[in-house]
C-alpha atoms as a PDB file:
ATOM      1  CA  MET A   1       9.052 -20.379  -7.030  1.00  0.00           C
ATOM      2  CA  PRO A   2       8.829 -17.256  -4.878  1.00  0.00           C
ATOM      3  CA  SER A   3       5.499 -16.141  -3.174  1.00  0.00           C
ATOM      4  CA  SER A   4       3.812 -13.142  -4.147  1.00  0.00           C
ATOM      5  CA  LYS A   5       5.041 -11.288  -1.058  1.00  0.00           C
ATOM      6  CA  GLU A   6       8.592 -12.274  -1.765  1.00  0.00           C
ATOM      7  CA  SER A   7       8.462 -11.064  -5.472  1.00  0.00           C
ATOM      8  CA  LEU A   8       6.956  -7.930  -4.342  1.00  0.00           C
ATOM      9  CA  ARG A   9       9.656  -7.272  -1.702  1.00  0.00           C
ATOM     10  CA  ASN A  10      12.104  -8.016  -4.315  1.00  0.00           C
ATOM     11  CA  VAL A  11      10.525  -5.365  -6.806  1.00  0.00           C
ATOM     12  CA  ALA A  12      10.853  -2.863  -3.838  1.00  0.00           C
ATOM     13  CA  GLU A  13      14.534  -3.419  -3.452  1.00  0.00           C
ATOM     14  CA  ARG A  14      15.325  -3.179  -7.001  1.00  0.00           C
ATOM     15  CA  PHE A  15      13.572   0.008  -7.178  1.00  0.00           C
ATOM     16  CA  GLY A  16      15.035   1.434  -3.895  1.00  0.00           C
ATOM     17  CA  LEU A  17      11.330   1.543  -2.555  1.00  0.00           C
ATOM     18  CA  ASN A  18      10.559   0.986   1.132  1.00  0.00           C
ATOM     19  CA  TYR A  19       8.618  -2.528   1.798  1.00  0.00           C
ATOM     20  CA  TYR A  20       5.831  -2.376   4.228  1.00  0.00           C
ATOM     21  CA  ASP A  21       4.851  -5.637   5.850  1.00  0.00           C
ATOM     22  CA  HIS A  22       2.775  -6.865   9.076  1.00  0.00           C
ATOM     23  CA  PHE A  23      -0.202  -4.417   8.746  1.00  0.00           C
ATOM     24  CA  GLY A  24      -2.352  -4.285  11.610  1.00  0.00           C
ATOM     25  CA  VAL A  25      -4.421  -1.883  14.235  1.00  0.00           C
ATOM     26  CA  HIS A  26      -2.855  -1.578  17.441  1.00  0.00           C
ATOM     27  CA  THR A  27      -5.126  -0.189  20.317  1.00  0.00           C
ATOM     28  CA  LEU A  28      -3.856   1.785  23.277  1.00  0.00           C
ATOM     29  CA  ASN A  29      -6.053   4.140  25.305  1.00  0.00           C
ATOM     30  CA  ASP A  30      -9.071   3.552  23.233  1.00  0.00           C
ATOM     31  CA  LEU A  31      -6.947   5.024  20.230  1.00  0.00           C
ATOM     32  CA  HIS A  32      -6.503   2.825  17.188  1.00  0.00           C
ATOM     33  CA  PHE A  33      -3.257   2.945  15.448  1.00  0.00           C
ATOM     34  CA  PRO A  34      -2.951   1.769  11.561  1.00  0.00           C
ATOM     35  CA  MET A  35       0.656   0.225  11.717  1.00  0.00           C
ATOM     36  CA  ALA A  36       3.041  -1.464   9.464  1.00  0.00           C
ATOM     37  CA  LYS A  37       6.596  -2.493   9.835  1.00  0.00           C
ATOM     38  CA  VAL A  38       9.121  -0.991   7.316  1.00  0.00           C
ATOM     39  CA  TYR A  39      12.461  -2.519   6.404  1.00  0.00           C
ATOM     40  CA  GLU A  40      15.094   0.275   6.633  1.00  0.00           C
ATOM     41  CA  ARG A  41      18.649   0.657   6.580  1.00  0.00           C
ATOM     42  CA  GLY A  42      18.892  -3.097   7.484  1.00  0.00           C
ATOM     43  CA  LYS A  43      16.342  -3.376  10.358  1.00  0.00           C
ATOM     44  CA  TRP A  44      12.408  -3.402  10.773  1.00  0.00           C
ATOM     45  CA  ARG A  45      10.708  -0.549  12.504  1.00  0.00           C
ATOM     46  CA  TRP A  46       7.147   0.109  13.140  1.00  0.00           C
ATOM     47  CA  VAL A  47       5.500   3.145  11.388  1.00  0.00           C
ATOM     48  CA  VAL A  48       1.792   4.598  11.940  1.00  0.00           C
ATOM     49  CA  ILE A  49       0.208   4.623   8.507  1.00  0.00           C
ATOM     50  CA  GLY A  50      -1.165   8.223   7.893  1.00  0.00           C
ATOM     51  CA  GLY A  51       0.747   9.510  10.866  1.00  0.00           C
ATOM     52  CA  ARG A  52      -2.200   9.495  13.315  1.00  0.00           C
ATOM     53  CA  PRO A  53      -4.329   7.261  15.430  1.00  0.00           C
ATOM     54  CA  TYR A  54      -8.126   7.232  15.233  1.00  0.00           C
ATOM     55  CA  HIS A  55     -10.985   6.742  17.580  1.00  0.00           C
ATOM     56  CA  ASP A  56     -12.928   4.529  15.307  1.00  0.00           C
ATOM     57  CA  GLU A  57     -11.684   1.121  14.955  1.00  0.00           C
ATOM     58  CA  SER A  58     -13.108   0.723  11.465  1.00  0.00           C
ATOM     59  CA  ILE A  59     -11.601   3.603  10.023  1.00  0.00           C
ATOM     60  CA  ALA A  60      -8.129   2.498  11.296  1.00  0.00           C
ATOM     61  CA  ARG A  61      -8.916  -1.228   9.703  1.00  0.00           C
ATOM     62  CA  ALA A  62      -9.731   0.696   6.570  1.00  0.00           C
ATOM     63  CA  MET A  63      -6.585   2.711   6.433  1.00  0.00           C
ATOM     64  CA  VAL A  64      -4.556  -0.666   6.942  1.00  0.00           C
ATOM     65  CA  ASP A  65      -6.645  -2.473   3.941  1.00  0.00           C
ATOM     66  CA  ASP A  66      -6.032   0.715   1.560  1.00  0.00           C
ATOM     67  CA  ALA A  67      -2.369   0.956   2.450  1.00  0.00           C
ATOM     68  CA  ARG A  68      -1.559  -2.863   1.694  1.00  0.00           C
ATOM     69  CA  ALA A  69      -3.821  -2.518  -1.548  1.00  0.00           C
ATOM     70  CA  ALA A  70      -2.001   0.478  -2.424  1.00  0.00           C
ATOM     71  CA  GLN A  71       1.526  -1.048  -2.084  1.00  0.00           C
ATOM     72  CA  ARG A  72       0.557  -4.208  -3.902  1.00  0.00           C
ATOM     73  CA  MET A  73      -0.688  -2.101  -6.872  1.00  0.00           C
ATOM     74  CA  CYS A  74       2.172   0.295  -6.902  1.00  0.00           C
ATOM     75  CA  LEU A  75       4.906  -2.347  -6.901  1.00  0.00           C
ATOM     76  CA  LYS A  76       2.917  -4.445  -9.524  1.00  0.00           C
ATOM     77  CA  ALA A  77       2.741  -1.347 -11.810  1.00  0.00           C
ATOM     78  CA  VAL A  78       6.658  -0.754 -11.390  1.00  0.00           C
ATOM     79  CA  ASP A  79       7.256  -4.378 -12.479  1.00  0.00           C
ATOM     80  CA  PRO A  80       6.089  -4.483 -16.027  1.00  0.00           C
ATOM     81  CA  ILE A  81       5.670  -7.710 -17.862  1.00  0.00           C
ATOM     82  CA  ASP A  82       7.782  -7.562 -21.206  1.00  0.00           C
ATOM     83  CA  THR A  83       5.267  -9.126 -23.066  1.00  0.00           C
ATOM     84  CA  GLU A  84       7.453  -9.168 -26.646  1.00  0.00           C
ATOM     85  CA  ARG A  85      10.024 -11.914 -24.670  1.00  0.00           C
ATOM     86  CA  LYS A  86       7.640 -13.675 -22.461  1.00  0.00           C
ATOM     87  CA  TYR A  87       4.445 -13.983 -24.109  1.00  0.00           C
ATOM     88  CA  ASP A  88       3.293 -13.915 -27.897  1.00  0.00           C
ATOM     89  CA  LEU A  89      -0.100 -11.897 -27.619  1.00  0.00           C
ATOM     90  CA  PRO A  90      -1.337 -10.951 -30.982  1.00  0.00           C
ATOM     91  CA  GLY A  91      -2.915  -7.413 -31.112  1.00  0.00           C
ATOM     92  CA  LEU A  92      -0.797  -5.927 -28.222  1.00  0.00           C
ATOM     93  CA  HIS A  93       1.476  -4.108 -30.673  1.00  0.00           C
ATOM     94  CA  ASN A  94       1.808  -0.456 -30.811  1.00  0.00           C
ATOM     95  CA  PRO A  95       0.453   0.839 -34.406  1.00  0.00           C
ATOM     96  CA  ILE A  96       2.709   4.131 -33.654  1.00  0.00           C
ATOM     97  CA  ASP A  97       5.957   2.030 -33.857  1.00  0.00           C
ATOM     98  CA  LYS A  98       5.317   1.327 -37.537  1.00  0.00           C
ATOM     99  CA  TRP A  99       3.804   4.729 -38.553  1.00  0.00           C
ATOM    100  CA  GLU A 100       5.283   6.491 -41.383  1.00  0.00           C
ATOM    101  CA  TYR A 101       4.510   9.922 -42.496  1.00  0.00           C
ATOM    102  CA  LYS A 102       2.985  10.272 -46.098  1.00  0.00           C
ATOM    103  CA  LEU A 103       2.150  13.363 -47.992  1.00  0.00           C
ATOM    104  CA  GLU A 104      -1.337  13.229 -49.529  1.00  0.00           C
ATOM    105  CA  GLN A 105      -1.559  13.440 -53.351  1.00  0.00           C
ATOM    106  CA  PHE A 106      -3.954  15.665 -54.816  1.00  0.00           C
END
């Protein structure tokens, strides 16, 4: 069974989205860079999340955490669960599907 990370990577590939991995904060000359690796055109490359460094390491770490969570939520959102085929969950049917217009009788 594929891990959560592998399944999210597969979702990204299926929809043609970039997949980011190896999130972390890199420090250089008292500047903190929130970074991640992205797989593009057959190879991994580093990118700076948000496009800039921060003087405060806690802000850079928050950027990394938010970016990781946002990617996870986005990829899970674009990979819908087909409840009709996979699960039998009563009460999850859309009532609009069976709606019919009827004229009121006076």
